[in-house]
């Protein structure tokens, strides 16, 4: 009887109806209100219970359809830091809550209401730049406008933290941040009587370097300690701001805030697009009317890199884009898959854990375009011939990577600790899917050698050294269990004579080997 009563109590506790205070408010405050707050980009605030209840039916439909919150990457393909997407459990909770009459629950158990002050998250920034006040034009089209902000410093610096603070959250849709040392942006600005100048796909300068992206819901980003994005002396910061149509007469004065790296040695972080429309496998990027062509690009890494993030980029004809890598050991590393491209919700996506890619890894990208009337974003009616360019009616295909040169131990750099709370390493399964064995170092060697390997999940591993006849000379063929992640071992090889050997990593599913040269 006592066991039955205990089971009944547990069942009752776990099957209670969802309520706003305990279940729904935490989800909304974490995933929705960064856009849905007073003065935010969304038309309705979802901080107050009454406002959410008023839109409850619409909210249920949109979360079931996956429309809200907007998060284009396919979570079944790869995962990213600080995702705005809802989990299946959160979707089910919201749907159940609406269907059960949106109960309020005990307000004493509700989380603290979020505060959106517009002040910024970076404490004591080293650099604060603010664009001049701009009044949006009365146009039926979206505006893409570039604002030139002189940095004002005469020495080279490295940015370690940065953030965008919109002057008017209700009209700033997204911001691309560039660095530029040329005079082209300033010249274009001078030719336009209003603050800034028109710029759709970029700044109009070939010297501009993308250094960051901000989208609604975005927060400040801090690079790992000891890393930074280089800003040359006397550079200009260019903010390319997207303003949606229908807000004519409203004003904006967006800020850029940053902190510099203070470590004695700063590893430079680069942003480049090795997968691009200039080096297509089946180019040039020409899209005939009434077609849905697919274009491919690839690039092989000449050195080991540590990737921190990536950002795909297309224009209004974009339909879908996928990027992945294949390592020299033939392991497929999925980067990103966006099945339904939306130019208005592009972003830079950060890996939860830094992603290390060995030299010889080939990066791939596949992008599909829809130049038919079935595409609601098609800028031409009827569809027209479309070519590479920066105009609204042109197209692009780029995949930017935020990366640095690899150093041992980079595999352990975590950019979103929430993925690993409680020792959860499941995220590895969506990044590197099979065990990896890296080149021994030094190589050639004569006494000690460092052996490194990476496991996407907890697994039993044996690590041995064999000769060219396949005989095991060093190591233990009996497997030892290791946790998911990066591992490093030292092995004494002084007993081996000069010659060619192989380091072998064996698991239940995989065998990897690397050549090792031993010298006197």
Protein backbone atom coordinates (compact mmCIF):
# COMPACT_ATOMS: atom_id res chain seq x y z
CA UNK A 1 0.00 0.00 0.00
CA UNK A 2 2.84 2.41 0.86
CA UNK A 3 4.54 1.63 -2.46
CA UNK A 4 1.30 2.33 -4.33
CA UNK A 5 0.80 5.62 -2.48
CA UNK A 6 4.39 6.68 -3.28
CA UNK A 7 3.89 5.84 -6.96
CA UNK A 8 0.61 7.79 -7.00
CA UNK A 9 2.24 10.87 -5.46
CA UNK A 10 5.17 10.77 -7.92
CA UNK A 11 2.81 10.32 -10.87
CA UNK A 12 0.65 13.22 -9.68
CA UNK A 13 3.68 15.50 -9.28
CA UNK A 14 5.11 14.72 -12.71
CA UNK A 15 1.79 14.90 -14.59
CA UNK A 16 0.47 18.23 -13.26
CA UNK A 17 -0.75 20.69 -15.85
CA UNK A 18 1.75 23.26 -17.08
CA UNK A 19 1.28 26.79 -15.77
CA UNK A 20 2.71 30.19 -16.65
CA UNK A 21 4.63 30.83 -13.44
CA UNK A 22 6.61 27.58 -13.22
CA UNK A 23 6.77 26.26 -16.79
CA UNK A 24 5.98 28.80 -19.51
CA UNK A 25 7.45 32.09 -18.21
CA UNK A 26 10.99 30.61 -17.91
CA UNK A 27 10.83 29.55 -21.57
CA UNK A 28 9.49 32.89 -22.81
CA UNK A 29 12.00 34.91 -20.78
CA UNK A 30 14.88 32.83 -22.14
CA UNK A 31 13.80 32.37 -25.76
CA UNK A 32 11.24 35.02 -26.73
CA UNK A 33 11.38 38.30 -24.84
CA UNK A 34 14.71 39.44 -26.28
CA UNK A 35 12.59 40.35 -29.33
CA UNK A 36 9.15 40.51 -27.67
CA UNK A 37 9.55 43.38 -25.20
CA UNK A 38 8.48 47.01 -25.16
CA UNK A 39 10.49 48.76 -27.87
CA UNK A 40 11.76 45.46 -29.28
CA UNK A 41 11.80 44.34 -32.91
CA UNK A 42 8.65 42.23 -32.40
CA UNK A 43 5.26 44.02 -32.42
CA UNK A 44 4.06 42.58 -29.07
CA UNK A 45 5.66 42.28 -25.64
CA UNK A 46 5.51 38.81 -24.08
CA UNK A 47 6.81 39.69 -20.63
CA UNK A 48 3.39 40.03 -18.99
CA UNK A 49 1.12 37.03 -18.57
CA UNK A 50 -1.93 38.92 -19.87
CA UNK A 51 -0.20 39.82 -23.16
CA UNK A 52 0.84 36.22 -23.77
CA UNK A 53 -2.65 34.91 -23.01
CA UNK A 54 -4.11 37.41 -25.46
CA UNK A 55 -1.99 35.86 -28.26
CA UNK A 56 -2.09 32.29 -26.91
CA UNK A 57 -3.73 30.62 -29.91
CA UNK A 58 -1.41 32.32 -32.41
CA UNK A 59 1.60 31.44 -30.26
CA UNK A 60 0.56 27.78 -30.15
CA UNK A 61 0.28 27.61 -33.93
CA UNK A 62 3.61 29.36 -34.55
CA UNK A 63 5.62 27.23 -32.12
CA UNK A 64 4.04 24.05 -33.55
CA UNK A 65 5.00 25.17 -37.06
CA UNK A 66 8.53 26.07 -35.94
CA UNK A 67 8.07 29.67 -37.13
CA UNK A 68 8.78 31.15 -33.71
CA UNK A 69 11.23 31.72 -32.29
CA UNK A 70 13.09 32.11 -35.61
CA UNK A 71 16.10 29.76 -35.70
CA UNK A 72 16.96 28.68 -39.26
CA UNK A 73 19.62 25.97 -38.64
CA UNK A 74 18.44 22.37 -38.64
CA UNK A 75 19.08 21.09 -35.09
CA UNK A 76 19.07 17.50 -36.35
CA UNK A 77 22.14 18.30 -38.46
CA UNK A 78 24.28 20.36 -36.05
CA UNK A 79 23.96 22.28 -32.78
CA UNK A 80 25.14 25.76 -31.84
CA UNK A 81 25.82 27.84 -28.77
CA UNK A 82 22.99 29.86 -27.23
CA UNK A 83 20.32 28.54 -29.59
CA UNK A 84 17.00 30.41 -29.71
CA UNK A 85 15.13 27.30 -30.81
CA UNK A 86 12.64 25.45 -28.60
CA UNK A 87 13.14 21.82 -27.64
CA UNK A 88 10.34 19.32 -28.44
CA UNK A 89 9.56 19.25 -24.71
CA UNK A 90 9.22 23.04 -24.55
CA UNK A 91 6.94 23.05 -27.60
CA UNK A 92 4.76 20.36 -26.04
CA UNK A 93 4.58 22.31 -22.78
CA UNK A 94 3.44 25.50 -24.53
CA UNK A 95 0.86 23.63 -26.62
CA UNK A 96 -0.46 21.78 -23.56
CA UNK A 97 -0.59 25.01 -21.56
CA UNK A 98 -2.69 26.75 -24.23
CA UNK A 99 -4.99 23.76 -24.69
CA UNK A 100 -5.56 23.57 -20.92
CA UNK A 101 -6.72 27.18 -20.66
CA UNK A 102 -3.40 29.01 -19.96
CA UNK A 103 -3.38 28.62 -16.13
CA UNK A 104 -1.38 31.27 -14.25
CA UNK A 105 -0.09 29.14 -11.35
CA UNK A 106 1.58 30.48 -8.22
CA UNK A 107 3.18 33.82 -9.15
CA UNK A 108 5.54 33.50 -6.18
CA UNK A 109 7.25 30.70 -8.13
CA UNK A 110 7.68 32.74 -11.33
CA UNK A 111 11.18 33.83 -12.40
CA UNK A 112 12.25 37.47 -12.21
CA UNK A 113 10.99 39.55 -15.10
CA UNK A 114 13.76 40.32 -17.64
CA UNK A 115 14.89 43.94 -17.91
CA UNK A 116 15.87 45.42 -21.28
CA UNK A 117 17.60 48.69 -20.47
CA UNK A 118 19.56 49.11 -23.70
CA UNK A 119 22.69 49.93 -21.69
CA UNK A 120 24.71 46.91 -22.81
CA UNK A 121 26.37 43.92 -21.18
CA UNK A 122 30.07 44.75 -21.55
CA UNK A 123 31.40 46.38 -18.39
CA UNK A 124 33.83 49.26 -18.89
CA UNK A 125 34.19 48.97 -22.69
CA UNK A 126 37.42 50.20 -24.29
CA UNK A 127 35.63 51.40 -27.41
CA UNK A 128 32.16 52.93 -27.81
CA UNK A 129 31.10 54.19 -31.24
CA UNK A 130 27.68 55.58 -32.06
CA UNK A 131 26.28 56.23 -35.50
CA UNK A 132 24.65 59.62 -36.21
CA UNK A 133 20.90 59.77 -35.78
CA UNK A 134 19.20 58.49 -38.91
CA UNK A 135 15.54 59.03 -39.81
CA UNK A 136 14.07 56.11 -41.75
CA UNK A 137 12.64 57.02 -45.14
CA UNK A 138 9.00 56.58 -46.10
CA UNK A 139 9.55 53.73 -48.53
CA UNK A 140 7.69 50.52 -49.24
CA UNK A 141 11.01 48.64 -49.37
CA UNK A 142 13.40 47.50 -46.66
CA UNK A 143 16.43 49.74 -46.13
CA UNK A 144 20.05 48.50 -45.94
CA UNK A 145 22.24 51.38 -44.87
CA UNK A 146 25.96 51.61 -44.03
CA UNK A 147 27.27 53.96 -41.35
CA UNK A 148 30.99 54.84 -41.13
CA UNK A 149 32.38 55.14 -37.58
CA UNK A 150 36.06 56.18 -37.29
CA UNK A 151 37.72 54.13 -34.57
CA UNK A 152 39.81 57.02 -33.33
CA UNK A 153 42.82 54.95 -32.23
CA UNK A 154 46.23 55.16 -33.88
CA UNK A 155 47.60 51.76 -32.84
CA UNK A 156 46.64 48.22 -33.69
CA UNK A 157 44.31 46.47 -31.20
CA UNK A 158 42.62 43.09 -30.86
CA UNK A 159 38.90 42.90 -30.09
CA UNK A 160 38.04 40.27 -27.48
CA UNK A 161 34.45 41.34 -26.75
CA UNK A 162 31.90 43.19 -28.86
CA UNK A 163 28.21 43.99 -28.90
CA UNK A 164 25.61 46.02 -30.76
CA UNK A 165 23.12 48.22 -28.89
CA UNK A 166 20.33 49.29 -31.26
CA UNK A 167 19.20 52.85 -30.76
CA UNK A 168 15.69 51.73 -31.66
CA UNK A 169 15.04 48.02 -31.13
CA UNK A 170 11.73 48.21 -32.94
CA UNK A 171 13.33 49.11 -36.30
CA UNK A 172 16.80 47.47 -36.28
CA UNK A 173 16.39 44.06 -37.86
CA UNK A 174 20.02 42.99 -38.03
CA UNK A 175 23.51 44.51 -38.23
CA UNK A 176 26.64 43.37 -40.08
CA UNK A 177 29.87 44.80 -38.61
CA UNK A 178 32.86 45.47 -40.85
CA UNK A 179 36.37 46.87 -40.43
CA UNK A 180 37.81 48.94 -43.30
CA UNK A 181 41.04 50.94 -43.66
CA UNK A 182 40.27 52.33 -47.13
CA UNK A 183 38.64 55.66 -47.96
CA UNK A 184 35.85 54.10 -50.05
CA UNK A 185 33.12 53.94 -47.35
CA UNK A 186 33.81 57.53 -46.24
CA UNK A 187 33.65 58.71 -49.87
CA UNK A 188 30.32 56.96 -50.40
CA UNK A 189 29.03 58.45 -47.17
CA UNK A 190 30.06 61.94 -48.27
CA UNK A 191 28.14 61.53 -51.55
CA UNK A 192 24.87 60.82 -49.68
CA UNK A 193 23.26 63.87 -48.04
CA UNK A 194 21.71 61.77 -45.26
CA UNK A 195 23.78 59.99 -42.58
CA UNK A 196 25.34 56.84 -44.01
CA UNK A 197 24.75 55.46 -47.49
CA UNK A 198 22.79 52.68 -49.20
CA UNK A 199 24.46 49.25 -49.07
CA UNK A 200 22.59 45.97 -49.52
CA UNK A 201 24.96 42.99 -49.76
CA UNK A 202 28.02 44.69 -48.26
CA UNK A 203 29.77 48.03 -47.84
CA UNK A 204 30.72 48.55 -51.47
CA UNK A 205 34.42 48.36 -50.56
CA UNK A 206 36.64 45.39 -51.41
CA UNK A 207 38.76 46.24 -48.36
CA UNK A 208 35.96 45.66 -45.87
CA UNK A 209 36.41 42.73 -43.49
CA UNK A 210 33.41 41.23 -41.71
CA UNK A 211 34.09 41.11 -37.95
CA UNK A 212 30.67 40.42 -36.47
CA UNK A 213 26.92 39.92 -36.88
CA UNK A 214 24.05 41.03 -34.65
CA UNK A 215 20.47 39.78 -34.92
CA UNK A 216 17.49 40.25 -32.57
CA UNK A 217 18.03 38.16 -29.49
CA UNK A 218 21.78 38.47 -29.86
CA UNK A 219 23.91 39.37 -26.88
CA UNK A 220 27.51 40.40 -26.42
CA UNK A 221 30.09 37.90 -27.60
CA UNK A 222 33.37 37.24 -25.84
CA UNK A 223 36.12 35.37 -27.65
CA UNK A 224 38.09 32.80 -25.65
CA UNK A 225 40.76 34.26 -23.39
CA UNK A 226 43.93 35.15 -25.28
CA UNK A 227 42.17 35.51 -28.65
CA UNK A 228 41.12 38.60 -30.57
CA UNK A 229 40.08 40.02 -33.93
CA UNK A 230 42.74 42.42 -35.20
CA UNK A 231 41.76 46.01 -35.91
CA UNK A 232 44.51 47.91 -37.75
CA UNK A 233 45.40 51.42 -36.67
CA UNK A 234 43.11 54.15 -38.00
CA UNK A 235 40.50 51.68 -39.19
CA UNK A 236 36.84 52.53 -39.62
CA UNK A 237 34.03 50.44 -38.21
CA UNK A 238 31.18 50.09 -40.72
CA UNK A 239 27.71 49.16 -39.47
CA UNK A 240 25.44 47.84 -42.18
CA UNK A 241 21.96 48.12 -40.65
CA UNK A 242 18.82 46.47 -42.02
CA UNK A 243 15.62 48.46 -41.39
CA UNK A 244 12.30 46.76 -42.32
CA UNK A 245 9.77 48.61 -44.45
CA UNK A 246 6.89 50.47 -42.85
CA UNK A 247 8.76 52.47 -40.20
CA UNK A 248 9.25 55.73 -42.08
CA UNK A 249 9.87 58.70 -39.82
CA UNK A 250 11.28 56.69 -36.93
CA UNK A 251 14.87 57.34 -35.87
CA UNK A 252 17.81 55.18 -34.88
CA UNK A 253 21.30 55.75 -33.48
CA UNK A 254 22.88 52.32 -32.94
CA UNK A 255 26.04 51.80 -30.86
CA UNK A 256 29.03 49.48 -31.22
CA UNK A 257 30.81 48.62 -27.95
CA UNK A 258 33.97 46.53 -27.54
CA UNK A 259 36.78 45.51 -25.22
CA UNK A 260 40.36 44.77 -26.26
CA UNK A 261 42.45 41.73 -25.43
CA UNK A 262 44.86 42.41 -22.57
CA UNK A 263 46.93 39.20 -22.63
CA UNK A 264 50.66 39.54 -23.42
CA UNK A 265 50.22 37.24 -26.41
CA UNK A 266 46.95 37.39 -28.34
CA UNK A 267 46.08 34.73 -30.88
CA UNK A 268 44.57 36.41 -33.91
CA UNK A 269 41.07 35.29 -34.86
CA UNK A 270 40.20 35.62 -38.54
CA UNK A 271 36.94 35.84 -40.45
CA UNK A 272 37.11 34.73 -44.07
CA UNK A 273 34.93 32.95 -46.62
CA UNK A 274 36.93 30.06 -48.14
CA UNK A 275 33.65 28.82 -49.62
CA UNK A 276 32.55 31.59 -51.94
CA UNK A 277 30.89 32.56 -55.21
CA UNK A 278 34.23 33.35 -56.90
CA UNK A 279 35.40 29.71 -56.74
CA UNK A 280 32.30 27.68 -57.50
CA UNK A 281 32.73 24.14 -58.78
CA UNK A 282 29.95 24.74 -61.31
CA UNK A 283 29.98 28.53 -61.62
CA UNK A 284 29.65 31.28 -62.52
CA UNK A 285 26.79 32.33 -60.25
CA UNK A 286 24.20 32.97 -62.94
CA UNK A 287 20.57 32.08 -62.19
CA UNK A 288 18.17 32.01 -65.17
CA UNK A 289 14.54 32.97 -64.58
CA UNK A 290 12.10 30.21 -63.58
CA UNK A 291 14.85 27.87 -62.37
CA UNK A 292 16.00 26.43 -59.02
CA UNK A 293 19.72 25.75 -59.61
CA UNK A 294 22.21 24.39 -57.07
CA UNK A 295 25.81 25.61 -56.85
CA UNK A 296 28.71 23.87 -55.10
CA UNK A 297 32.05 25.00 -53.70
CA UNK A 298 34.92 23.32 -51.87
CA UNK A 299 38.20 24.31 -50.26
CA UNK A 300 40.97 22.19 -48.70
CA UNK A 301 42.60 23.52 -45.54
CA UNK A 302 46.39 23.89 -45.88
CA UNK A 303 46.91 24.00 -42.10
CA UNK A 304 45.28 22.93 -38.83
CA UNK A 305 42.57 25.35 -37.69
CA UNK A 306 40.31 25.87 -34.72
CA UNK A 307 36.86 27.01 -35.86
CA UNK A 308 34.74 29.05 -33.46
CA UNK A 309 31.75 29.96 -35.64
CA UNK A 310 30.43 30.24 -39.18
CA UNK A 311 27.98 32.47 -41.05
CA UNK A 312 26.34 31.49 -44.37
CA UNK A 313 25.24 34.34 -46.63
CA UNK A 314 22.90 34.53 -49.63
CA UNK A 315 20.35 37.08 -50.84
CA UNK A 316 16.62 36.90 -51.53
CA UNK A 317 16.67 34.01 -54.03
CA UNK A 318 18.35 31.72 -51.50
CA UNK A 319 16.35 28.55 -50.80
CA UNK A 320 18.68 26.34 -48.76
CA UNK A 321 22.37 26.01 -47.88
CA UNK A 322 24.46 23.23 -46.37
CA UNK A 323 28.11 23.16 -45.32
CA UNK A 324 30.24 20.30 -44.02
CA UNK A 325 33.82 19.07 -43.97
CA UNK A 326 35.56 15.77 -44.69
CA UNK A 327 38.78 15.13 -42.78
CA UNK A 328 41.84 13.32 -44.19
CA UNK A 329 40.69 10.26 -42.19
CA UNK A 330 37.39 10.44 -44.11
CA UNK A 331 35.30 11.59 -41.17
CA UNK A 332 32.34 13.82 -42.09
CA UNK A 333 31.97 16.91 -39.89
CA UNK A 334 28.56 18.60 -40.34
CA UNK A 335 28.77 22.39 -40.00
CA UNK A 336 25.32 23.79 -40.77
CA UNK A 337 22.16 23.00 -42.73
CA UNK A 338 19.56 25.71 -43.30
CA UNK A 339 16.68 24.01 -45.14
CA UNK A 340 14.62 27.20 -45.59
CA UNK A 341 16.87 30.20 -46.12
CA UNK A 342 15.51 33.54 -44.92
CA UNK A 343 17.69 36.55 -45.66
CA UNK A 344 16.00 38.47 -42.87
CA UNK A 345 17.18 36.01 -40.21
CA UNK A 346 20.83 35.44 -41.05
CA UNK A 347 23.29 35.17 -38.18
CA UNK A 348 26.73 33.99 -37.11
CA UNK A 349 26.47 30.58 -35.45
CA UNK A 350 28.99 29.67 -32.72
CA UNK A 351 29.98 26.08 -31.99
CA UNK A 352 29.29 25.00 -28.37
CA UNK A 353 32.84 23.66 -28.22
CA UNK A 354 35.63 24.90 -30.48
CA UNK A 355 35.86 22.69 -33.56
CA UNK A 356 39.35 21.55 -34.55
CA UNK A 357 39.95 20.70 -38.21
CA UNK A 358 43.22 19.11 -39.33
CA UNK A 359 45.15 20.19 -42.40
CA UNK A 360 43.81 18.40 -45.47
CA UNK A 361 40.19 18.72 -44.36
CA UNK A 362 38.05 19.67 -47.33
CA UNK A 363 35.23 22.14 -46.69
CA UNK A 364 32.11 21.88 -48.82
CA UNK A 365 29.07 24.06 -49.43
CA UNK A 366 25.93 23.41 -51.43
CA UNK A 367 23.46 26.25 -52.05
CA UNK A 368 20.13 26.13 -53.86
CA UNK A 369 18.28 29.16 -55.25
CA UNK A 370 14.64 29.67 -56.19
CA UNK A 371 14.18 32.13 -59.06
CA UNK A 372 10.50 31.37 -59.61
CA UNK A 373 7.27 32.99 -58.55
CA UNK A 374 6.97 30.31 -55.87
CA UNK A 375 9.61 32.27 -53.93
CA UNK A 376 7.71 34.95 -51.96
CA UNK A 377 10.96 36.95 -51.53
CA UNK A 378 11.82 37.07 -55.25
CA UNK A 379 12.62 40.75 -55.94
CA UNK A 380 11.66 40.43 -59.62
CA UNK A 381 8.19 39.85 -61.03
CA UNK A 382 8.39 38.27 -63.50
CA UNK A 383 11.61 36.43 -62.50
CA UNK A 384 14.68 37.87 -64.19
CA UNK A 385 18.21 36.75 -64.99
CA UNK A 386 20.21 37.10 -61.76
CA UNK A 387 24.00 37.34 -61.41
CA UNK A 388 26.63 37.89 -58.74
CA UNK A 389 26.52 41.32 -57.10
CA UNK A 390 25.58 43.41 -54.06
CA UNK A 391 22.28 44.88 -55.26
CA UNK A 392 18.88 43.70 -54.04
CA UNK A 393 18.30 41.99 -57.38
CA UNK A 394 21.74 40.29 -57.37
CA UNK A 395 22.88 37.15 -55.54
CA UNK A 396 25.78 35.85 -53.44
CA UNK A 397 27.00 32.54 -51.99
CA UNK A 398 29.40 32.79 -49.05
CA UNK A 399 30.20 30.77 -45.95
CA UNK A 400 32.26 32.81 -43.48
CA UNK A 401 34.32 31.03 -40.83
CA UNK A 402 35.53 32.56 -37.56
CA UNK A 403 38.77 30.70 -36.83
CA UNK A 404 42.34 30.75 -35.52
CA UNK A 405 45.40 28.58 -36.05
CA UNK A 406 45.17 25.37 -34.05
CA UNK A 407 47.08 24.81 -30.80
CA UNK A 408 46.93 21.57 -28.76
CA UNK A 409 44.11 21.68 -26.26
CA UNK A 410 41.80 23.85 -28.39
CA UNK A 411 39.34 20.94 -28.40
CA UNK A 412 38.59 21.79 -24.77
CA UNK A 413 37.51 25.40 -25.43
CA UNK A 414 33.84 25.63 -24.44
CA UNK A 415 31.74 28.53 -25.77
CA UNK A 416 28.40 27.51 -24.24
CA UNK A 417 28.72 25.62 -20.97
CA UNK A 418 24.96 24.92 -20.82
CA UNK A 419 25.50 22.14 -23.38
CA UNK A 420 27.75 20.32 -20.97
CA UNK A 421 25.88 20.83 -17.68
CA UNK A 422 25.96 17.67 -15.64
CA UNK A 423 28.66 16.13 -17.80
CA UNK A 424 26.43 15.90 -20.86
CA UNK A 425 28.64 15.40 -23.92
CA UNK A 426 25.87 14.49 -26.36
CA UNK A 427 26.72 17.54 -28.47
CA UNK A 428 29.82 15.76 -29.73
CA UNK A 429 27.66 13.35 -31.70
CA UNK A 430 26.51 16.22 -33.93
CA UNK A 431 29.99 17.64 -34.53
CA UNK A 432 32.50 14.78 -34.96
CA UNK A 433 30.81 11.42 -35.31
CA UNK A 434 33.68 8.93 -35.20
CA UNK A 435 36.85 8.65 -33.09
CA UNK A 436 39.80 10.69 -34.37
CA UNK A 437 43.53 9.97 -34.05
CA UNK A 438 45.85 12.94 -34.65
CA UNK A 439 49.43 12.93 -35.91
CA UNK A 440 51.96 11.93 -33.22
CA UNK A 441 54.38 14.64 -32.14
CA UNK A 442 57.23 15.03 -32.54
CA UNK A 443 57.48 12.99 -35.71
CA UNK A 444 60.21 11.79 -36.34
CA UNK A 445 60.86 10.99 -32.66
CA UNK A 446 63.53 9.11 -30.72
CA UNK A 447 62.46 8.93 -27.07
CA UNK A 448 59.02 10.25 -26.10
CA UNK A 449 56.04 10.90 -28.36
CA UNK A 450 52.75 12.63 -27.64
CA UNK A 451 49.66 10.75 -28.81
CA UNK A 452 46.37 12.62 -29.14
CA UNK A 453 42.89 11.37 -29.94
CA UNK A 454 39.31 12.60 -29.78
CA UNK A 455 36.15 10.67 -28.91
CA UNK A 456 32.64 11.88 -29.76
CA UNK A 457 31.28 9.73 -26.94
CA UNK A 458 32.43 7.62 -23.98
CA UNK A 459 34.14 4.54 -25.42
CA UNK A 460 36.62 1.73 -24.79
CA UNK A 461 39.91 2.38 -26.60
CA UNK A 462 43.16 0.53 -27.15
CA UNK A 463 46.24 2.46 -28.28
CA UNK A 464 49.23 0.54 -29.64
CA UNK A 465 52.35 0.87 -31.79
CA UNK A 466 52.87 -1.79 -34.47
CA UNK A 467 55.62 -2.46 -37.00
CA UNK A 468 55.17 -2.84 -40.74
CA UNK A 469 54.48 -6.57 -40.26
CA UNK A 470 51.54 -5.72 -37.99
CA UNK A 471 53.19 -6.95 -34.77
CA UNK A 472 52.26 -5.03 -31.60
CA UNK A 473 55.41 -3.65 -30.00
CA UNK A 474 54.15 -1.04 -27.51
CA UNK A 475 50.92 -0.23 -25.76
CA UNK A 476 48.15 -2.41 -24.40
CA UNK A 477 45.70 -4.12 -26.72
CA UNK A 478 43.25 -4.46 -23.83
CA UNK A 479 40.75 -1.58 -24.14
CA UNK A 480 40.50 1.17 -21.54
CA UNK A 481 37.40 3.33 -21.22
CA UNK A 482 37.73 7.08 -21.87
CA UNK A 483 35.16 9.87 -21.58
CA UNK A 484 34.03 11.87 -24.62
CA UNK A 485 36.44 14.63 -25.59
CA UNK A 486 40.10 15.28 -26.31
CA UNK A 487 42.80 13.05 -24.78
CA UNK A 488 46.59 13.30 -24.74
CA UNK A 489 49.11 10.65 -23.69
CA UNK A 490 52.90 10.40 -23.56
CA UNK A 491 54.53 7.17 -24.72
CA UNK A 492 58.15 6.12 -24.22
CA UNK A 493 59.44 4.75 -27.54
CA UNK A 494 63.13 4.54 -26.60
CA UNK A 495 63.01 0.75 -26.90
CA UNK A 496 62.21 0.96 -30.62
CA UNK A 497 64.97 0.86 -33.20
CA UNK A 498 65.06 3.29 -36.11
CA UNK A 499 62.37 2.65 -38.69
CA UNK A 500 58.76 3.10 -39.72
CA UNK A 501 55.94 2.21 -37.36
CA UNK A 502 52.22 2.87 -37.00
CA UNK A 503 50.22 4.19 -34.06
CA UNK A 504 46.87 2.38 -33.97
CA UNK A 505 43.72 3.49 -32.16
CA UNK A 506 41.04 0.78 -31.94
CA UNK A 507 37.47 0.96 -30.66
CA UNK A 508 34.46 -1.31 -31.12
CA UNK A 509 33.52 0.55 -34.29
CA UNK A 510 36.66 2.21 -35.64
CA UNK A 511 40.35 1.62 -36.33
CA UNK A 512 42.56 4.64 -37.00
CA UNK A 513 46.31 4.67 -37.64
CA UNK A 514 49.07 7.23 -38.13
CA UNK A 515 52.62 6.74 -39.39
CA UNK A 516 55.43 7.22 -36.85
CA UNK A 517 59.11 7.55 -37.81
CA UNK A 518 61.67 6.60 -35.15
CA UNK A 519 65.24 7.88 -35.50
CA UNK A 520 68.41 7.43 -33.43
